[in-house]
C-alpha atoms as a PDB file:
ATOM      1  CA  UNK A   1       3.041  -3.654 -40.415  1.00  0.00           C
ATOM      2  CA  UNK A   2       6.167  -3.889 -41.708  1.00  0.00           C
ATOM      3  CA  UNK A   3       6.016  -3.295 -44.787  1.00  0.00           C
ATOM      4  CA  UNK A   4       4.438  -0.714 -44.598  1.00  0.00           C
ATOM      5  CA  UNK A   5       6.274   0.604 -42.029  1.00  0.00           C
ATOM      6  CA  UNK A   6       9.195  -1.242 -42.201  1.00  0.00           C
ATOM      7  CA  UNK A   7      11.064  -2.554 -39.207  1.00  0.00           C
ATOM      8  CA  UNK A   8      11.230   0.628 -36.992  1.00  0.00           C
ATOM      9  CA  UNK A   9       6.998   0.726 -37.067  1.00  0.00           C
ATOM     10  CA  UNK A  10       7.389  -2.991 -36.004  1.00  0.00           C
ATOM     11  CA  UNK A  11       9.332  -1.944 -33.614  1.00  0.00           C
ATOM     12  CA  UNK A  12       7.696   1.076 -32.651  1.00  0.00           C
ATOM     13  CA  UNK A  13       4.537  -0.604 -32.097  1.00  0.00           C
ATOM     14  CA  UNK A  14       6.070  -3.389 -30.367  1.00  0.00           C
ATOM     15  CA  UNK A  15       6.990  -1.030 -27.781  1.00  0.00           C
ATOM     16  CA  UNK A  16       4.069   0.328 -27.033  1.00  0.00           C
ATOM     17  CA  UNK A  17       3.282  -2.939 -26.401  1.00  0.00           C
ATOM     18  CA  UNK A  18       5.391  -3.160 -24.193  1.00  0.00           C
ATOM     19  CA  UNK A  19       4.970  -0.083 -22.611  1.00  0.00           C
ATOM     20  CA  UNK A  20       1.384  -1.346 -21.848  1.00  0.00           C
ATOM     21  CA  UNK A  21       1.926  -4.616 -20.572  1.00  0.00           C
ATOM     22  CA  UNK A  22       4.463  -3.150 -17.917  1.00  0.00           C
ATOM     23  CA  UNK A  23       2.161  -0.334 -16.923  1.00  0.00           C
ATOM     24  CA  UNK A  24      -0.219  -2.874 -15.584  1.00  0.00           C
ATOM     25  CA  UNK A  25       2.527  -4.872 -13.651  1.00  0.00           C
ATOM     26  CA  UNK A  26       3.783  -1.761 -11.788  1.00  0.00           C
ATOM     27  CA  UNK A  27      -0.463  -0.764 -10.949  1.00  0.00           C
ATOM     28  CA  UNK A  28      -0.748  -4.087  -9.489  1.00  0.00           C
ATOM     29  CA  UNK A  29       2.039  -4.066  -7.822  1.00  0.00           C
ATOM     30  CA  UNK A  30       1.049  -0.571  -6.118  1.00  0.00           C
ATOM     31  CA  UNK A  31      -1.867  -1.379  -5.268  1.00  0.00           C
ATOM     32  CA  UNK A  32      -0.086  -5.018  -3.621  1.00  0.00           C
ATOM     33  CA  UNK A  33       2.276  -2.646  -1.925  1.00  0.00           C
ATOM     34  CA  UNK A  34      -0.613  -0.180  -0.473  1.00  0.00           C
ATOM     35  CA  UNK A  35      -2.830  -2.736   0.649  1.00  0.00           C
ATOM     36  CA  UNK A  36       0.327  -4.701   2.735  1.00  0.00           C
ATOM     37  CA  UNK A  37       1.451  -0.959   4.348  1.00  0.00           C
ATOM     38  CA  UNK A  38      -1.971   0.200   5.803  1.00  0.00           C
ATOM     39  CA  UNK A  39      -2.863  -3.531   6.419  1.00  0.00           C
ATOM     40  CA  UNK A  40      -2.815  -4.243  11.038  1.00  0.00           C
ATOM     41  CA  UNK A  41      -4.479  -6.887  12.746  1.00  0.00           C
ATOM     42  CA  UNK A  42      -6.789  -5.735  15.477  1.00  0.00           C
ATOM     43  CA  UNK A  43      -8.359  -8.259  18.501  1.00  0.00           C
ATOM     44  CA  UNK A  44     -10.626  -5.280  20.458  1.00  0.00           C
ATOM     45  CA  UNK A  45     -12.553  -4.213  17.603  1.00  0.00           C
ATOM     46  CA  UNK A  46     -16.143  -4.021  17.971  1.00  0.00           C
ATOM     47  CA  UNK A  47     -19.268  -5.720  16.551  1.00  0.00           C
ATOM     48  CA  UNK A  48     -21.115  -3.799  14.276  1.00  0.00           C
ATOM     49  CA  UNK A  49     -24.433  -4.058  13.197  1.00  0.00           C
ATOM     50  CA  UNK A  50     -26.233  -2.784   9.883  1.00  0.00           C
ATOM     51  CA  UNK A  51     -29.608  -1.184   9.852  1.00  0.00           C
ATOM     52  CA  UNK A  52     -30.600  -4.887   7.761  1.00  0.00           C
ATOM     53  CA  UNK A  53     -29.333  -6.736  10.196  1.00  0.00           C
ATOM     54  CA  UNK A  54     -25.667  -7.842   8.907  1.00  0.00           C
ATOM     55  CA  UNK A  55     -22.824  -7.690  11.829  1.00  0.00           C
ATOM     56  CA  UNK A  56     -19.483  -7.947  11.437  1.00  0.00           C
ATOM     57  CA  UNK A  57     -16.165  -7.547  13.092  1.00  0.00           C
ATOM     58  CA  UNK A  58     -12.871  -6.283  11.648  1.00  0.00           C
ATOM     59  CA  UNK A  59     -10.018  -9.475  12.698  1.00  0.00           C
ATOM     60  CA  UNK A  60      -7.383  -7.341  10.261  1.00  0.00           C
ATOM     61  CA  UNK A  61      -8.254  -3.676   8.820  1.00  0.00           C
ATOM     62  CA  UNK A  62      -6.927  -3.480   5.019  1.00  0.00           C
ATOM     63  CA  UNK A  63      -4.935  -0.475   3.528  1.00  0.00           C
ATOM     64  CA  UNK A  64      -6.266  -0.928   0.126  1.00  0.00           C
ATOM     65  CA  UNK A  65      -9.547   0.509  -1.401  1.00  0.00           C
ATOM     66  CA  UNK A  66     -12.900  -0.277  -0.730  1.00  0.00           C
ATOM     67  CA  UNK A  67     -14.733  -2.276  -3.059  1.00  0.00           C
ATOM     68  CA  UNK A  68     -16.424  -0.318  -5.549  1.00  0.00           C
ATOM     69  CA  UNK A  69     -18.936  -1.628  -8.378  1.00  0.00           C
ATOM     70  CA  UNK A  70     -17.985  -3.038 -11.408  1.00  0.00           C
ATOM     71  CA  UNK A  71     -13.888  -3.742 -10.348  1.00  0.00           C
ATOM     72  CA  UNK A  72     -13.062  -6.781 -10.161  1.00  0.00           C
ATOM     73  CA  UNK A  73     -12.568  -7.832  -6.092  1.00  0.00           C
ATOM     74  CA  UNK A  74     -11.394 -11.050  -4.671  1.00  0.00           C
ATOM     75  CA  UNK A  75     -11.938 -12.949  -1.748  1.00  0.00           C
ATOM     76  CA  UNK A  76     -11.176 -16.006  -0.118  1.00  0.00           C
ATOM     77  CA  UNK A  77     -13.591 -17.396   2.098  1.00  0.00           C
ATOM     78  CA  UNK A  78     -15.168 -19.892   4.918  1.00  0.00           C
ATOM     79  CA  UNK A  79     -18.788 -20.022   5.244  1.00  0.00           C
ATOM     80  CA  UNK A  80     -20.889 -21.990   7.468  1.00  0.00           C
ATOM     81  CA  UNK A  81     -24.924 -21.983   7.122  1.00  0.00           C
ATOM     82  CA  UNK A  82     -26.191 -23.112  10.669  1.00  0.00           C
ATOM     83  CA  UNK A  83     -22.621 -23.742  12.311  1.00  0.00           C
ATOM     84  CA  UNK A  84     -22.403 -26.084   9.606  1.00  0.00           C
ATOM     85  CA  UNK A  85     -19.688 -25.340   6.513  1.00  0.00           C
ATOM     86  CA  UNK A  86     -20.781 -25.169   3.380  1.00  0.00           C
ATOM     87  CA  UNK A  87     -18.052 -23.321   1.304  1.00  0.00           C
ATOM     88  CA  UNK A  88     -13.989 -22.481   1.801  1.00  0.00           C
ATOM     89  CA  UNK A  89     -12.696 -21.029  -0.616  1.00  0.00           C
ATOM     90  CA  UNK A  90      -9.457 -21.607   1.558  1.00  0.00           C
ATOM     91  CA  UNK A  91      -9.376 -24.945   1.941  1.00  0.00           C
ATOM     92  CA  UNK A  92      -9.925 -25.433  -2.209  1.00  0.00           C
ATOM     93  CA  UNK A  93      -7.012 -22.995  -2.802  1.00  0.00           C
ATOM     94  CA  UNK A  94      -8.604 -21.052  -5.094  1.00  0.00           C
ATOM     95  CA  UNK A  95     -10.172 -17.167  -3.777  1.00  0.00           C
ATOM     96  CA  UNK A  96     -13.313 -15.977  -6.310  1.00  0.00           C
ATOM     97  CA  UNK A  97     -12.775 -13.613  -8.062  1.00  0.00           C
ATOM     98  CA  UNK A  98     -15.861 -11.106  -9.796  1.00  0.00           C
ATOM     99  CA  UNK A  99     -17.233  -8.095 -10.798  1.00  0.00           C
ATOM    100  CA  UNK A 100     -18.510  -6.342  -7.477  1.00  0.00           C
ATOM    101  CA  UNK A 101     -21.950  -5.038  -7.143  1.00  0.00           C
ATOM    102  CA  UNK A 102     -22.628  -7.367 -10.538  1.00  0.00           C
ATOM    103  CA  UNK A 103     -25.604  -9.987 -10.549  1.00  0.00           C
ATOM    104  CA  UNK A 104     -25.971 -12.897 -10.090  1.00  0.00           C
ATOM    105  CA  UNK A 105     -23.659 -13.485  -7.230  1.00  0.00           C
ATOM    106  CA  UNK A 106     -20.983 -15.571  -7.891  1.00  0.00           C
ATOM    107  CA  UNK A 107     -20.766 -19.135  -5.772  1.00  0.00           C
ATOM    108  CA  UNK A 108     -21.323 -18.806  -2.055  1.00  0.00           C
ATOM    109  CA  UNK A 109     -21.889 -14.749  -2.212  1.00  0.00           C
ATOM    110  CA  UNK A 110     -25.418 -13.550  -1.235  1.00  0.00           C
ATOM    111  CA  UNK A 111     -26.679  -9.991  -0.810  1.00  0.00           C
ATOM    112  CA  UNK A 112     -25.712  -9.992   3.579  1.00  0.00           C
ATOM    113  CA  UNK A 113     -21.939 -10.223   2.341  1.00  0.00           C
ATOM    114  CA  UNK A 114     -21.638  -7.961  -0.232  1.00  0.00           C
ATOM    115  CA  UNK A 115     -23.676  -5.285   2.378  1.00  0.00           C
ATOM    116  CA  UNK A 116     -20.557  -6.052   5.075  1.00  0.00           C
ATOM    117  CA  UNK A 117     -17.960  -6.157   2.155  1.00  0.00           C
ATOM    118  CA  UNK A 118     -18.990  -2.235   0.806  1.00  0.00           C
ATOM    119  CA  UNK A 119     -17.313  -0.382   3.856  1.00  0.00           C
ATOM    120  CA  UNK A 120     -14.272  -2.933   4.165  1.00  0.00           C
ATOM    121  CA  UNK A 121     -10.781  -1.804   2.467  1.00  0.00           C
ATOM    122  CA  UNK A 122      -8.410  -4.923   0.029  1.00  0.00           C
ATOM    123  CA  UNK A 123      -6.216  -6.549   2.834  1.00  0.00           C
ATOM    124  CA  UNK A 124      -9.010  -6.810   5.284  1.00  0.00           C
ATOM    125  CA  UNK A 125     -10.411  -9.547   7.134  1.00  0.00           C
ATOM    126  CA  UNK A 126     -14.194  -9.400   9.110  1.00  0.00           C
ATOM    127  CA  UNK A 127     -15.732 -12.126  10.714  1.00  0.00           C
ATOM    128  CA  UNK A 128     -19.201 -11.498   8.794  1.00  0.00           C
ATOM    129  CA  UNK A 129     -22.981 -13.172  10.020  1.00  0.00           C
ATOM    130  CA  UNK A 130     -25.650 -12.522   7.594  1.00  0.00           C
ATOM    131  CA  UNK A 131     -29.828 -13.073   8.793  1.00  0.00           C
ATOM    132  CA  UNK A 132     -31.527 -15.192   6.356  1.00  0.00           C
ATOM    133  CA  UNK A 133     -33.374 -12.382   4.289  1.00  0.00           C
ATOM    134  CA  UNK A 134     -30.001 -11.058   3.233  1.00  0.00           C
ATOM    135  CA  UNK A 135     -28.470 -14.966   3.394  1.00  0.00           C
ATOM    136  CA  UNK A 136     -29.930 -17.436   0.897  1.00  0.00           C
ATOM    137  CA  UNK A 137     -33.377 -17.398   2.531  1.00  0.00           C
ATOM    138  CA  UNK A 138     -36.450 -19.463   2.392  1.00  0.00           C
ATOM    139  CA  UNK A 139     -34.890 -21.304  -0.904  1.00  0.00           C
ATOM    140  CA  UNK A 140     -31.615 -21.869   0.577  1.00  0.00           C
ATOM    141  CA  UNK A 141     -28.736 -23.139  -1.995  1.00  0.00           C
ATOM    142  CA  UNK A 142     -26.998 -26.149  -3.345  1.00  0.00           C
ATOM    143  CA  UNK A 143     -23.467 -25.274  -4.288  1.00  0.00           C
ATOM    144  CA  UNK A 144     -22.688 -27.308  -7.702  1.00  0.00           C
ATOM    145  CA  UNK A 145     -19.267 -28.062  -9.504  1.00  0.00           C
ATOM    146  CA  UNK A 146     -18.353 -25.758 -12.750  1.00  0.00           C
ATOM    147  CA  UNK A 147     -15.395 -25.605 -14.971  1.00  0.00           C
ATOM    148  CA  UNK A 148     -13.242 -23.517 -12.869  1.00  0.00           C
ATOM    149  CA  UNK A 149     -14.239 -24.909  -9.791  1.00  0.00           C
ATOM    150  CA  UNK A 150     -14.574 -28.613 -10.375  1.00  0.00           C
ATOM    151  CA  UNK A 151     -15.047 -29.931  -6.785  1.00  0.00           C
ATOM    152  CA  UNK A 152     -17.269 -27.229  -5.438  1.00  0.00           C
ATOM    153  CA  UNK A 153     -19.973 -28.464  -3.574  1.00  0.00           C
ATOM    154  CA  UNK A 154     -21.830 -27.347  -0.450  1.00  0.00           C
ATOM    155  CA  UNK A 155     -26.123 -27.524   0.777  1.00  0.00           C
ATOM    156  CA  UNK A 156     -27.143 -24.060   2.713  1.00  0.00           C
ATOM    157  CA  UNK A 157     -30.601 -25.336   4.123  1.00  0.00           C
ATOM    158  CA  UNK A 158     -33.517 -22.534   4.050  1.00  0.00           C
ATOM    159  CA  UNK A 159     -33.738 -19.568   6.262  1.00  0.00           C
ATOM    160  CA  UNK A 160     -30.093 -19.828   7.334  1.00  0.00           C
ATOM    161  CA  UNK A 161     -27.845 -17.799   9.480  1.00  0.00           C
ATOM    162  CA  UNK A 162     -24.438 -17.876   7.715  1.00  0.00           C
ATOM    163  CA  UNK A 163     -20.879 -16.826   9.159  1.00  0.00           C
ATOM    164  CA  UNK A 164     -18.590 -15.572   6.564  1.00  0.00           C
ATOM    165  CA  UNK A 165     -14.512 -15.704   7.983  1.00  0.00           C
ATOM    166  CA  UNK A 166     -13.721 -13.349   4.546  1.00  0.00           C
ATOM    167  CA  UNK A 167     -10.830 -11.868   3.470  1.00  0.00           C
ATOM    168  CA  UNK A 168     -10.636  -8.869   0.857  1.00  0.00           C
ATOM    169  CA  UNK A 169      -7.481  -9.936  -1.070  1.00  0.00           C
ATOM    170  CA  UNK A 170      -7.881  -7.328  -3.440  1.00  0.00           C
ATOM    171  CA  UNK A 171     -10.365  -4.454  -4.998  1.00  0.00           C
ATOM    172  CA  UNK A 172      -9.157  -3.573  -8.450  1.00  0.00           C
ATOM    173  CA  UNK A 173      -9.529  -1.787 -12.043  1.00  0.00           C
ATOM    174  CA  UNK A 174     -10.928  -4.428 -14.750  1.00  0.00           C
ATOM    175  CA  UNK A 175      -8.752  -4.425 -17.363  1.00  0.00           C
ATOM    176  CA  UNK A 176     -10.566  -3.395 -20.480  1.00  0.00           C
END
């Protein structure tokens, strides 16, 4: 680059790359500020029952954006099946990050949880109850360790009702 355009061309290219990085940092900081400014804890929120049978109650209403198909979604949750905990991203200190609306589902995620997230705003927290047909159904599930989460393990029995205490940490445009 510097042979053809000289030092000035190299410095211009470096400046272009720096501005792109700063723009990404500013976007992230603005998203976080938006989520924090509009967030409020609620104690008297009514339980909502969706037509599918998924039930949820807001514990904190977020101030950020709702999940959009194809956007990065960061979740922090504790999940139980018929009263027995099968996964907790909070205990291991690693929230899950996945593309909302993407398949196959990541980790302990299931169709019912994604349905409950569809109206939730980033920064919010919900207690979600999922019927077996929108959870892991007749097959149940066994969560196995992965490269990124070597200590993941958990068993969801067949036809289990699932309860998630879920925080929608962030919704963000994926990097291109």
